[in-house]
Amino acid sequence: MSQPQIQDVFSALGDPTRFAIVESLLRDKELTIGQLAEPHAMSAPAISRHVKVLEEAGLIERKIEKQWRVVRLRQDCFASIEDWLKRYRDFWNASFDRLEVFLEEEQKNAGDTK
């Protein structure tokens, strides 16, 4: 599967039910559709629609075991978020480094004029 678009990942996680599904899978590793539906007072088909959105965003995968549909997080599910955050972390770290150099020069220049 290709790397999902970061917008798709954030959009999928923006729904409280889908976010809770991901939280449940982080805790329990694998759950059936029925187990995911229980805490949300939703039907299995309603949860399945949420699961489909998460699957399309590349966050989870489904498999069939006997009569059960089992859902689990993809091993690389947060890779696109990590990549996106790294770009911004690198940008801000470089900006703060430049600001630090600037402020040190300003402080030095202020000391020279006294």
PDB file of N, CA and C in Angstrom:
ATOM      1  N   MET A   1       0.847  -1.190   0.000  1.00  0.00           N
ATOM      2  CA  MET A   1       0.000   0.000   0.000  1.00  0.00           C
ATOM      3  C   MET A   1       0.882   1.239   0.000  1.00  0.00           C
ATOM      4  N   SER A   2       0.507   2.215  -0.782  1.00  0.00           N
ATOM      5  CA  SER A   2       1.295   3.439  -0.830  1.00  0.00           C
ATOM      6  C   SER A   2       1.078   4.253   0.430  1.00  0.00           C
ATOM      7  N   GLN A   3       1.996   5.166   0.652  1.00  0.00           N
ATOM      8  CA  GLN A   3       1.918   6.039   1.829  1.00  0.00           C
ATOM      9  C   GLN A   3       0.660   6.892   1.741  1.00  0.00           C
ATOM     10  N   PRO A   4      -0.179   6.870   2.778  1.00  0.00           N
ATOM     11  CA  PRO A   4      -1.408   7.682   2.726  1.00  0.00           C
ATOM     12  C   PRO A   4      -1.081   9.166   2.787  1.00  0.00           C
ATOM     13  N   GLN A   5      -1.990   9.951   2.250  1.00  0.00           N
ATOM     14  CA  GLN A   5      -1.854  11.395   2.336  1.00  0.00           C
ATOM     15  C   GLN A   5      -2.061  11.809   3.792  1.00  0.00           C
ATOM     16  N   ILE A   6      -1.255  12.718   4.259  1.00  0.00           N
ATOM     17  CA  ILE A   6      -1.338  13.151   5.653  1.00  0.00           C
ATOM     18  C   ILE A   6      -2.715  13.733   5.961  1.00  0.00           C
ATOM     19  N   GLN A   7      -3.335  14.391   4.981  1.00  0.00           N
ATOM     20  CA  GLN A   7      -4.671  14.942   5.204  1.00  0.00           C
ATOM     21  C   GLN A   7      -5.675  13.829   5.488  1.00  0.00           C
ATOM     22  N   ASP A   8      -5.539  12.696   4.796  1.00  0.00           N
ATOM     23  CA  ASP A   8      -6.445  11.565   5.013  1.00  0.00           C
ATOM     24  C   ASP A   8      -6.280  11.001   6.422  1.00  0.00           C
ATOM     25  N   VAL A   9      -5.047  10.941   6.884  1.00  0.00           N
ATOM     26  CA  VAL A   9      -4.776  10.424   8.229  1.00  0.00           C
ATOM     27  C   VAL A   9      -5.386  11.344   9.278  1.00  0.00           C
ATOM     28  N   PHE A  10      -5.127  12.640   9.176  1.00  0.00           N
ATOM     29  CA  PHE A  10      -5.677  13.576  10.158  1.00  0.00           C
ATOM     30  C   PHE A  10      -7.200  13.642  10.072  1.00  0.00           C
ATOM     31  N   SER A  11      -7.754  13.570   8.873  1.00  0.00           N
ATOM     32  CA  SER A  11      -9.199  13.574   8.715  1.00  0.00           C
ATOM     33  C   SER A  11      -9.811  12.346   9.387  1.00  0.00           C
ATOM     34  N   ALA A  12      -9.196  11.200   9.187  1.00  0.00           N
ATOM     35  CA  ALA A  12      -9.700   9.969   9.814  1.00  0.00           C
ATOM     36  C   ALA A  12      -9.624  10.059  11.331  1.00  0.00           C
ATOM     37  N   LEU A  13      -8.541  10.601  11.848  1.00  0.00           N
ATOM     38  CA  LEU A  13      -8.372  10.707  13.302  1.00  0.00           C
ATOM     39  C   LEU A  13      -9.187  11.841  13.910  1.00  0.00           C
ATOM     40  N   GLY A  14      -9.694  12.735  13.071  1.00  0.00           N
ATOM     41  CA  GLY A  14     -10.460  13.875  13.561  1.00  0.00           C
ATOM     42  C   GLY A  14     -11.837  13.517  14.098  1.00  0.00           C
ATOM     43  N   ASP A  15     -12.323  12.354  13.749  1.00  0.00           N
ATOM     44  CA  ASP A  15     -13.622  11.910  14.255  1.00  0.00           C
ATOM     45  C   ASP A  15     -13.422  11.246  15.621  1.00  0.00           C
ATOM     46  N   PRO A  16     -14.186  11.643  16.633  1.00  0.00           N
ATOM     47  CA  PRO A  16     -13.980  11.091  17.982  1.00  0.00           C
ATOM     48  C   PRO A  16     -14.128   9.566  18.062  1.00  0.00           C
ATOM     49  N   THR A  17     -15.056   9.007  17.309  1.00  0.00           N
ATOM     50  CA  THR A  17     -15.233   7.551  17.341  1.00  0.00           C
ATOM     51  C   THR A  17     -14.021   6.850  16.737  1.00  0.00           C
ATOM     52  N   ARG A  18     -13.550   7.358  15.610  1.00  0.00           N
ATOM     53  CA  ARG A  18     -12.378   6.733  14.972  1.00  0.00           C
ATOM     54  C   ARG A  18     -11.131   6.904  15.832  1.00  0.00           C
ATOM     55  N   PHE A  19     -11.000   8.060  16.457  1.00  0.00           N
ATOM     56  CA  PHE A  19      -9.866   8.273  17.363  1.00  0.00           C
ATOM     57  C   PHE A  19      -9.924   7.261  18.511  1.00  0.00           C
ATOM     58  N   ALA A  20     -11.117   7.040  19.052  1.00  0.00           N
ATOM     59  CA  ALA A  20     -11.283   6.073  20.146  1.00  0.00           C
ATOM     60  C   ALA A  20     -10.979   4.650  19.677  1.00  0.00           C
ATOM     61  N   ILE A  21     -11.321   4.333  18.443  1.00  0.00           N
ATOM     62  CA  ILE A  21     -10.999   3.012  17.902  1.00  0.00           C
ATOM     63  C   ILE A  21      -9.489   2.822  17.867  1.00  0.00           C
ATOM     64  N   VAL A  22      -8.770   3.819  17.396  1.00  0.00           N
ATOM     65  CA  VAL A  22      -7.302   3.734  17.352  1.00  0.00           C
ATOM     66  C   VAL A  22      -6.739   3.600  18.762  1.00  0.00           C
ATOM     67  N   GLU A  23      -7.269   4.369  19.710  1.00  0.00           N
ATOM     68  CA  GLU A  23      -6.830   4.265  21.107  1.00  0.00           C
ATOM     69  C   GLU A  23      -7.061   2.848  21.642  1.00  0.00           C
ATOM     70  N   SER A  24      -8.214   2.271  21.332  1.00  0.00           N
ATOM     71  CA  SER A  24      -8.514   0.905  21.777  1.00  0.00           C
ATOM     72  C   SER A  24      -7.537  -0.098  21.181  1.00  0.00           C
ATOM     73  N   LEU A  25      -7.208   0.091  19.914  1.00  0.00           N
ATOM     74  CA  LEU A  25      -6.278  -0.835  19.258  1.00  0.00           C
ATOM     75  C   LEU A  25      -4.849  -0.658  19.763  1.00  0.00           C
ATOM     76  N   LEU A  26      -4.486   0.540  20.160  1.00  0.00           N
ATOM     77  CA  LEU A  26      -3.175   0.741  20.779  1.00  0.00           C
ATOM     78  C   LEU A  26      -3.075  -0.035  22.082  1.00  0.00           C
ATOM     79  N   ARG A  27      -4.166  -0.077  22.801  1.00  0.00           N
ATOM     80  CA  ARG A  27      -4.197  -0.755  24.093  1.00  0.00           C
ATOM     81  C   ARG A  27      -4.323  -2.279  23.940  1.00  0.00           C
ATOM     82  N   ASP A  28      -5.241  -2.721  23.077  1.00  0.00           N
ATOM     83  CA  ASP A  28      -5.583  -4.140  23.015  1.00  0.00           C
ATOM     84  C   ASP A  28      -4.996  -4.893  21.826  1.00  0.00           C
ATOM     85  N   LYS A  29      -4.317  -4.211  20.942  1.00  0.00           N
ATOM     86  CA  LYS A  29      -3.637  -4.797  19.773  1.00  0.00           C
ATOM     87  C   LYS A  29      -4.593  -5.281  18.678  1.00  0.00           C
ATOM     88  N   GLU A  30      -5.491  -6.219  18.977  1.00  0.00           N
ATOM     89  CA  GLU A  30      -6.453  -6.714  17.993  1.00  0.00           C
ATOM     90  C   GLU A  30      -7.830  -6.812  18.634  1.00  0.00           C
ATOM     91  N   LEU A  31      -8.835  -6.355  17.900  1.00  0.00           N
ATOM     92  CA  LEU A  31     -10.210  -6.433  18.388  1.00  0.00           C
ATOM     93  C   LEU A  31     -11.128  -6.795  17.218  1.00  0.00           C
ATOM     94  N   THR A  32     -12.228  -7.440  17.540  1.00  0.00           N
ATOM     95  CA  THR A  32     -13.230  -7.714  16.517  1.00  0.00           C
ATOM     96  C   THR A  32     -14.106  -6.479  16.345  1.00  0.00           C
ATOM     97  N   ILE A  33     -14.858  -6.465  15.263  1.00  0.00           N
ATOM     98  CA  ILE A  33     -15.796  -5.361  15.028  1.00  0.00           C
ATOM     99  C   ILE A  33     -16.769  -5.257  16.199  1.00  0.00           C
ATOM    100  N   GLY A  34     -17.255  -6.387  16.687  1.00  0.00           N
ATOM    101  CA  GLY A  34     -18.181  -6.383  17.817  1.00  0.00           C
ATOM    102  C   GLY A  34     -17.567  -5.790  19.068  1.00  0.00           C
ATOM    103  N   GLN A  35     -16.301  -6.126  19.334  1.00  0.00           N
ATOM    104  CA  GLN A  35     -15.619  -5.565  20.507  1.00  0.00           C
ATOM    105  C   GLN A  35     -15.429  -4.059  20.356  1.00  0.00           C
ATOM    106  N   LEU A  36     -15.167  -3.622  19.144  1.00  0.00           N
ATOM    107  CA  LEU A  36     -15.025  -2.175  18.915  1.00  0.00           C
ATOM    108  C   LEU A  36     -16.356  -1.451  19.073  1.00  0.00           C
ATOM    109  N   ALA A  37     -17.436  -2.113  18.718  1.00  0.00           N
ATOM    110  CA  ALA A  37     -18.760  -1.480  18.781  1.00  0.00           C
ATOM    111  C   ALA A  37     -19.257  -1.322  20.214  1.00  0.00           C
ATOM    112  N   GLU A  38     -18.907  -2.239  21.106  1.00  0.00           N
ATOM    113  CA  GLU A  38     -19.445  -2.254  22.471  1.00  0.00           C
ATOM    114  C   GLU A  38     -19.372  -0.908  23.205  1.00  0.00           C
ATOM    115  N   PRO A  39     -18.197  -0.284  23.339  1.00  0.00           N
ATOM    116  CA  PRO A  39     -18.138   0.947  24.141  1.00  0.00           C
ATOM    117  C   PRO A  39     -18.810   2.152  23.485  1.00  0.00           C
ATOM    118  N   HIS A  40     -19.181   2.030  22.225  1.00  0.00           N
ATOM    119  CA  HIS A  40     -19.726   3.185  21.503  1.00  0.00           C
ATOM    120  C   HIS A  40     -21.232   3.116  21.321  1.00  0.00           C
ATOM    121  N   ALA A  41     -21.854   2.064  21.787  1.00  0.00           N
ATOM    122  CA  ALA A  41     -23.296   1.879  21.611  1.00  0.00           C
ATOM    123  C   ALA A  41     -23.681   2.066  20.144  1.00  0.00           C
ATOM    124  N   MET A  42     -22.890   1.457  19.263  1.00  0.00           N
ATOM    125  CA  MET A  42     -23.143   1.517  17.823  1.00  0.00           C
ATOM    126  C   MET A  42     -23.294   0.103  17.298  1.00  0.00           C
ATOM    127  N   SER A  43     -23.939   0.011  16.187  1.00  0.00           N
ATOM    128  CA  SER A  43     -24.083  -1.289  15.540  1.00  0.00           C
ATOM    129  C   SER A  43     -22.771  -1.681  14.870  1.00  0.00           C
ATOM    130  N   ALA A  44     -22.630  -2.953  14.601  1.00  0.00           N
ATOM    131  CA  ALA A  44     -21.441  -3.436  13.899  1.00  0.00           C
ATOM    132  C   ALA A  44     -21.296  -2.774  12.523  1.00  0.00           C
ATOM    133  N   PRO A  45     -22.388  -2.610  11.754  1.00  0.00           N
ATOM    134  CA  PRO A  45     -22.230  -1.925  10.464  1.00  0.00           C
ATOM    135  C   PRO A  45     -21.745  -0.474  10.607  1.00  0.00           C
ATOM    136  N   ALA A  46     -22.208   0.224  11.640  1.00  0.00           N
ATOM    137  CA  ALA A  46     -21.759   1.611  11.846  1.00  0.00           C
ATOM    138  C   ALA A  46     -20.276   1.644  12.173  1.00  0.00           C
ATOM    139  N   ILE A  47     -19.832   0.746  13.041  1.00  0.00           N
ATOM    140  CA  ILE A  47     -18.400   0.681  13.369  1.00  0.00           C
ATOM    141  C   ILE A  47     -17.599   0.267  12.143  1.00  0.00           C
ATOM    142  N   SER A  48     -18.147  -0.639  11.345  1.00  0.00           N
ATOM    143  CA  SER A  48     -17.456  -1.076  10.122  1.00  0.00           C
ATOM    144  C   SER A  48     -17.203   0.086   9.180  1.00  0.00           C
ATOM    145  N   ARG A  49     -18.139   1.025   9.112  1.00  0.00           N
ATOM    146  CA  ARG A  49     -17.930   2.206   8.256  1.00  0.00           C
ATOM    147  C   ARG A  49     -16.758   3.046   8.782  1.00  0.00           C
ATOM    148  N   HIS A  50     -16.670   3.201  10.096  1.00  0.00           N
ATOM    149  CA  HIS A  50     -15.540   3.928  10.686  1.00  0.00           C
ATOM    150  C   HIS A  50     -14.233   3.178  10.425  1.00  0.00           C
ATOM    151  N   VAL A  51     -14.271   1.881  10.565  1.00  0.00           N
ATOM    152  CA  VAL A  51     -13.091   1.055  10.333  1.00  0.00           C
ATOM    153  C   VAL A  51     -12.622   1.191   8.884  1.00  0.00           C
ATOM    154  N   LYS A  52     -13.578   1.254   7.959  1.00  0.00           N
ATOM    155  CA  LYS A  52     -13.227   1.405   6.542  1.00  0.00           C
ATOM    156  C   LYS A  52     -12.474   2.717   6.306  1.00  0.00           C
ATOM    157  N   VAL A  53     -12.925   3.804   6.932  1.00  0.00           N
ATOM    158  CA  VAL A  53     -12.246   5.101   6.788  1.00  0.00           C
ATOM    159  C   VAL A  53     -10.818   4.999   7.327  1.00  0.00           C
ATOM    160  N   LEU A  54     -10.654   4.368   8.485  1.00  0.00           N
ATOM    161  CA  LEU A  54      -9.316   4.204   9.069  1.00  0.00           C
ATOM    162  C   LEU A  54      -8.440   3.325   8.186  1.00  0.00           C
ATOM    163  N   GLU A  55      -9.038   2.318   7.590  1.00  0.00           N
ATOM    164  CA  GLU A  55      -8.291   1.441   6.690  1.00  0.00           C
ATOM    165  C   GLU A  55      -7.849   2.186   5.437  1.00  0.00           C
ATOM    166  N   GLU A  56      -8.737   2.987   4.867  1.00  0.00           N
ATOM    167  CA  GLU A  56      -8.396   3.770   3.681  1.00  0.00           C
ATOM    168  C   GLU A  56      -7.313   4.801   3.975  1.00  0.00           C
ATOM    169  N   ALA A  57      -7.251   5.271   5.204  1.00  0.00           N
ATOM    170  CA  ALA A  57      -6.213   6.229   5.606  1.00  0.00           C
ATOM    171  C   ALA A  57      -4.894   5.528   5.910  1.00  0.00           C
ATOM    172  N   GLY A  58      -4.884   4.205   5.867  1.00  0.00           N
ATOM    173  CA  GLY A  58      -3.651   3.460   6.089  1.00  0.00           C
ATOM    174  C   GLY A  58      -3.313   3.221   7.546  1.00  0.00           C
ATOM    175  N   LEU A  59      -4.276   3.421   8.439  1.00  0.00           N
ATOM    176  CA  LEU A  59      -4.001   3.283   9.864  1.00  0.00           C
ATOM    177  C   LEU A  59      -4.230   1.865  10.395  1.00  0.00           C
ATOM    178  N   ILE A  60      -5.179   1.168   9.818  1.00  0.00           N
ATOM    179  CA  ILE A  60      -5.489  -0.171  10.328  1.00  0.00           C
ATOM    180  C   ILE A  60      -5.597  -1.163   9.180  1.00  0.00           C
ATOM    181  N   GLU A  61      -5.657  -2.422   9.554  1.00  0.00           N
ATOM    182  CA  GLU A  61      -5.902  -3.475   8.579  1.00  0.00           C
ATOM    183  C   GLU A  61      -6.888  -4.461   9.188  1.00  0.00           C
ATOM    184  N   ARG A  62      -7.638  -5.104   8.307  1.00  0.00           N
ATOM    185  CA  ARG A  62      -8.627  -6.087   8.741  1.00  0.00           C
ATOM    186  C   ARG A  62      -8.238  -7.452   8.218  1.00  0.00           C
ATOM    187  N   LYS A  63      -8.602  -8.460   8.976  1.00  0.00           N
ATOM    188  CA  LYS A  63      -8.445  -9.828   8.509  1.00  0.00           C
ATOM    189  C   LYS A  63      -9.633 -10.629   9.005  1.00  0.00           C
ATOM    190  N   ILE A  64      -9.888 -11.722   8.342  1.00  0.00           N
ATOM    191  CA  ILE A  64     -10.999 -12.581   8.740  1.00  0.00           C
ATOM    192  C   ILE A  64     -10.421 -13.834   9.375  1.00  0.00           C
ATOM    193  N   GLU A  65     -10.849 -14.102  10.594  1.00  0.00           N
ATOM    194  CA  GLU A  65     -10.475 -15.306  11.314  1.00  0.00           C
ATOM    195  C   GLU A  65     -11.751 -16.067  11.634  1.00  0.00           C
ATOM    196  N   LYS A  66     -11.949 -17.177  10.942  1.00  0.00           N
ATOM    197  CA  LYS A  66     -13.187 -17.956  11.063  1.00  0.00           C
ATOM    198  C   LYS A  66     -14.362 -17.034  10.751  1.00  0.00           C
ATOM    199  N   GLN A  67     -15.268 -16.838  11.682  1.00  0.00           N
ATOM    200  CA  GLN A  67     -16.422 -15.978  11.397  1.00  0.00           C
ATOM    201  C   GLN A  67     -16.210 -14.547  11.883  1.00  0.00           C
ATOM    202  N   TRP A  68     -15.045 -14.234  12.422  1.00  0.00           N
ATOM    203  CA  TRP A  68     -14.787 -12.914  13.002  1.00  0.00           C
ATOM    204  C   TRP A  68     -13.984 -12.031  12.055  1.00  0.00           C
ATOM    205  N   ARG A  69     -14.327 -10.751  12.072  1.00  0.00           N
ATOM    206  CA  ARG A  69     -13.500  -9.757  11.379  1.00  0.00           C
ATOM    207  C   ARG A  69     -12.657  -9.081  12.448  1.00  0.00           C
ATOM    208  N   VAL A  70     -11.359  -9.278  12.349  1.00  0.00           N
ATOM    209  CA  VAL A  70     -10.430  -8.773  13.354  1.00  0.00           C
ATOM    210  C   VAL A  70      -9.728  -7.542  12.788  1.00  0.00           C
ATOM    211  N   VAL A  71      -9.591  -6.533  13.634  1.00  0.00           N
ATOM    212  CA  VAL A  71      -8.982  -5.263  13.236  1.00  0.00           C
ATOM    213  C   VAL A  71      -7.743  -5.042  14.087  1.00  0.00           C
ATOM    214  N   ARG A  72      -6.686  -4.536  13.455  1.00  0.00           N
ATOM    215  CA  ARG A  72      -5.473  -4.177  14.191  1.00  0.00           C
ATOM    216  C   ARG A  72      -4.808  -2.991  13.499  1.00  0.00           C
ATOM    217  N   LEU A  73      -3.980  -2.297  14.256  1.00  0.00           N
ATOM    218  CA  LEU A  73      -3.227  -1.177  13.685  1.00  0.00           C
ATOM    219  C   LEU A  73      -2.174  -1.714  12.739  1.00  0.00           C
ATOM    220  N   ARG A  74      -1.941  -0.986  11.669  1.00  0.00           N
ATOM    221  CA  ARG A  74      -0.830  -1.346  10.788  1.00  0.00           C
ATOM    222  C   ARG A  74       0.469  -1.020  11.505  1.00  0.00           C
ATOM    223  N   GLN A  75       1.467  -1.793  11.262  1.00  0.00           N
ATOM    224  CA  GLN A  75       2.745  -1.597  11.939  1.00  0.00           C
ATOM    225  C   GLN A  75       3.321  -0.210  11.656  1.00  0.00           C
ATOM    226  N   ASP A  76       3.136   0.272  10.459  1.00  0.00           N
ATOM    227  CA  ASP A  76       3.679   1.583  10.068  1.00  0.00           C
ATOM    228  C   ASP A  76       2.610   2.669  10.050  1.00  0.00           C
ATOM    229  N   CYS A  77       1.548   2.482  10.847  1.00  0.00           N
ATOM    230  CA  CYS A  77       0.385   3.361  10.731  1.00  0.00           C
ATOM    231  C   CYS A  77       0.674   4.832  11.002  1.00  0.00           C
ATOM    232  N   PHE A  78       1.649   5.129  11.810  1.00  0.00           N
ATOM    233  CA  PHE A  78       1.908   6.529  12.143  1.00  0.00           C
ATOM    234  C   PHE A  78       3.122   7.090  11.396  1.00  0.00           C
ATOM    235  N   ALA A  79       3.627   6.344  10.420  1.00  0.00           N
ATOM    236  CA  ALA A  79       4.816   6.790   9.686  1.00  0.00           C
ATOM    237  C   ALA A  79       4.589   8.124   8.983  1.00  0.00           C
ATOM    238  N   SER A  80       3.426   8.304   8.351  1.00  0.00           N
ATOM    239  CA  SER A  80       3.185   9.556   7.638  1.00  0.00           C
ATOM    240  C   SER A  80       3.103  10.733   8.603  1.00  0.00           C
ATOM    241  N   ILE A  81       2.534  10.505   9.795  1.00  0.00           N
ATOM    242  CA  ILE A  81       2.482  11.569  10.800  1.00  0.00           C
ATOM    243  C   ILE A  81       3.884  11.880  11.301  1.00  0.00           C
ATOM    244  N   GLU A  82       4.673  10.859  11.560  1.00  0.00           N
ATOM    245  CA  GLU A  82       6.045  11.070  12.027  1.00  0.00           C
ATOM    246  C   GLU A  82       6.862  11.839  10.998  1.00  0.00           C
ATOM    247  N   ASP A  83       6.731  11.479   9.718  1.00  0.00           N
ATOM    248  CA  ASP A  83       7.461  12.180   8.658  1.00  0.00           C
ATOM    249  C   ASP A  83       7.045  13.647   8.583  1.00  0.00           C
ATOM    250  N   TRP A  84       5.750  13.878   8.659  1.00  0.00           N
ATOM    251  CA  TRP A  84       5.229  15.247   8.594  1.00  0.00           C
ATOM    252  C   TRP A  84       5.723  16.058   9.782  1.00  0.00           C
ATOM    253  N   LEU A  85       5.649  15.482  10.983  1.00  0.00           N
ATOM    254  CA  LEU A  85       6.099  16.184  12.184  1.00  0.00           C
ATOM    255  C   LEU A  85       7.599  16.453  12.154  1.00  0.00           C
ATOM    256  N   LYS A  86       8.371  15.526  11.619  1.00  0.00           N
ATOM    257  CA  LYS A  86       9.827  15.704  11.553  1.00  0.00           C
ATOM    258  C   LYS A  86      10.187  16.924  10.709  1.00  0.00           C
ATOM    259  N   ARG A  87       9.492  17.097   9.581  1.00  0.00           N
ATOM    260  CA  ARG A  87       9.773  18.265   8.734  1.00  0.00           C
ATOM    261  C   ARG A  87       9.549  19.556   9.512  1.00  0.00           C
ATOM    262  N   TYR A  88       8.462  19.628  10.250  1.00  0.00           N
ATOM    263  CA  TYR A  88       8.166  20.841  11.006  1.00  0.00           C
ATOM    264  C   TYR A  88       9.076  20.992  12.228  1.00  0.00           C
ATOM    265  N   ARG A  89       9.411  19.893  12.855  1.00  0.00           N
ATOM    266  CA  ARG A  89      10.343  19.947  13.990  1.00  0.00           C
ATOM    267  C   ARG A  89      11.703  20.459  13.507  1.00  0.00           C
ATOM    268  N   ASP A  90      12.181  19.937  12.379  1.00  0.00           N
ATOM    269  CA  ASP A  90      13.459  20.385  11.821  1.00  0.00           C
ATOM    270  C   ASP A  90      13.411  21.872  11.472  1.00  0.00           C
ATOM    271  N   PHE A  91      12.298  22.298  10.865  1.00  0.00           N
ATOM    272  CA  PHE A  91      12.141  23.709  10.500  1.00  0.00           C
ATOM    273  C   PHE A  91      12.211  24.596  11.735  1.00  0.00           C
ATOM    274  N   TRP A  92      11.443  24.247  12.773  1.00  0.00           N
ATOM    275  CA  TRP A  92      11.401  25.092  13.972  1.00  0.00           C
ATOM    276  C   TRP A  92      12.704  25.032  14.750  1.00  0.00           C
ATOM    277  N   ASN A  93      13.333  23.884  14.807  1.00  0.00           N
ATOM    278  CA  ASN A  93      14.629  23.808  15.490  1.00  0.00           C
ATOM    279  C   ASN A  93      15.652  24.705  14.806  1.00  0.00           C
ATOM    280  N   ALA A  94      15.676  24.678  13.469  1.00  0.00           N
ATOM    281  CA  ALA A  94      16.604  25.549  12.738  1.00  0.00           C
ATOM    282  C   ALA A  94      16.262  27.028  12.977  1.00  0.00           C
ATOM    283  N   SER A  95      14.981  27.337  13.010  1.00  0.00           N
ATOM    284  CA  SER A  95      14.559  28.732  13.253  1.00  0.00           C
ATOM    285  C   SER A  95      14.973  29.193  14.649  1.00  0.00           C
ATOM    286  N   PHE A  96      14.783  28.346  15.643  1.00  0.00           N
ATOM    287  CA  PHE A  96      15.177  28.704  17.011  1.00  0.00           C
ATOM    288  C   PHE A  96      16.698  28.826  17.138  1.00  0.00           C
ATOM    289  N   ASP A  97      17.440  27.996  16.409  1.00  0.00           N
ATOM    290  CA  ASP A  97      18.898  28.112  16.421  1.00  0.00           C
ATOM    291  C   ASP A  97      19.333  29.456  15.850  1.00  0.00           C
ATOM    292  N   ARG A  98      18.694  29.870  14.743  1.00  0.00           N
ATOM    293  CA  ARG A  98      19.025  31.167  14.152  1.00  0.00           C
ATOM    294  C   ARG A  98      18.644  32.304  15.096  1.00  0.00           C
ATOM    295  N   LEU A  99      17.509  32.177  15.752  1.00  0.00           N
ATOM    296  CA  LEU A  99      17.077  33.190  16.713  1.00  0.00           C
ATOM    297  C   LEU A  99      18.064  33.287  17.868  1.00  0.00           C
ATOM    298  N   GLU A 100      18.543  32.153  18.348  1.00  0.00           N
ATOM    299  CA  GLU A 100      19.512  32.156  19.446  1.00  0.00           C
ATOM    300  C   GLU A 100      20.794  32.883  19.047  1.00  0.00           C
ATOM    301  N   VAL A 101      21.284  32.602  17.838  1.00  0.00           N
ATOM    302  CA  VAL A 101      22.491  33.281  17.353  1.00  0.00           C
ATOM    303  C   VAL A 101      22.241  34.779  17.241  1.00  0.00           C
ATOM    304  N   PHE A 102      21.089  35.164  16.703  1.00  0.00           N
ATOM    305  CA  PHE A 102      20.747  36.570  16.570  1.00  0.00           C
ATOM    306  C   PHE A 102      20.699  37.271  17.925  1.00  0.00           C
ATOM    307  N   LEU A 103      20.032  36.649  18.892  1.00  0.00           N
ATOM    308  CA  LEU A 103      19.916  37.262  20.214  1.00  0.00           C
ATOM    309  C   LEU A 103      21.267  37.368  20.911  1.00  0.00           C
ATOM    310  N   GLU A 104      22.123  36.377  20.729  1.00  0.00           N
ATOM    311  CA  GLU A 104      23.465  36.452  21.306  1.00  0.00           C
ATOM    312  C   GLU A 104      24.255  37.597  20.691  1.00  0.00           C
ATOM    313  N   GLU A 105      24.122  37.785  19.378  1.00  0.00           N
ATOM    314  CA  GLU A 105      24.807  38.895  18.712  1.00  0.00           C
ATOM    315  C   GLU A 105      24.253  40.235  19.182  1.00  0.00           C
ATOM    316  N   GLU A 106      22.938  40.323  19.328  1.00  0.00           N
ATOM    317  CA  GLU A 106      22.313  41.551  19.809  1.00  0.00           C
ATOM    318  C   GLU A 106      22.788  41.873  21.226  1.00  0.00           C
ATOM    319  N   GLN A 107      22.865  40.863  22.061  1.00  0.00           N
ATOM    320  CA  GLN A 107      23.314  41.068  23.440  1.00  0.00           C
ATOM    321  C   GLN A 107      24.780  41.501  23.460  1.00  0.00           C
ATOM    322  N   LYS A 108      25.572  40.900  22.622  1.00  0.00           N
ATOM    323  CA  LYS A 108      26.983  41.265  22.530  1.00  0.00           C
ATOM    324  C   LYS A 108      27.132  42.707  22.031  1.00  0.00           C
ATOM    325  N   ASN A 109      26.369  43.065  21.001  1.00  0.00           N
ATOM    326  CA  ASN A 109      26.419  44.428  20.454  1.00  0.00           C
ATOM    327  C   ASN A 109      25.918  45.448  21.468  1.00  0.00           C
ATOM    328  N   ALA A 110      24.913  45.087  22.242  1.00  0.00           N
ATOM    329  CA  ALA A 110      24.409  45.998  23.272  1.00  0.00           C
ATOM    330  C   ALA A 110      25.468  46.227  24.345  1.00  0.00           C
ATOM    331  N   GLY A 111      26.227  45.200  24.658  1.00  0.00           N
ATOM    332  CA  GLY A 111      27.297  45.317  25.647  1.00  0.00           C
ATOM    333  C   GLY A 111      28.460  46.146  25.131  1.00  0.00           C
ATOM    334  N   ASP A 112      28.710  46.105  23.815  1.00  0.00           N
ATOM    335  CA  ASP A 112      29.807  46.868  23.214  1.00  0.00           C
ATOM    336  C   ASP A 112      29.517  48.365  23.168  1.00  0.00           C
ATOM    337  N   THR A 113      28.261  48.746  23.122  1.00  0.00           N
ATOM    338  CA  THR A 113      27.924  50.164  23.000  1.00  0.00           C
ATOM    339  C   THR A 113      27.876  50.875  24.337  1.00  0.00           C
ATOM    340  N   LYS A 114      27.968  50.146  25.431  1.00  0.00           N
ATOM    341  CA  LYS A 114      27.904  50.781  26.753  1.00  0.00           C
ATOM    342  C   LYS A 114      29.227  51.316  27.180  1.00  0.00           C
TER     343      LYS A 114
END
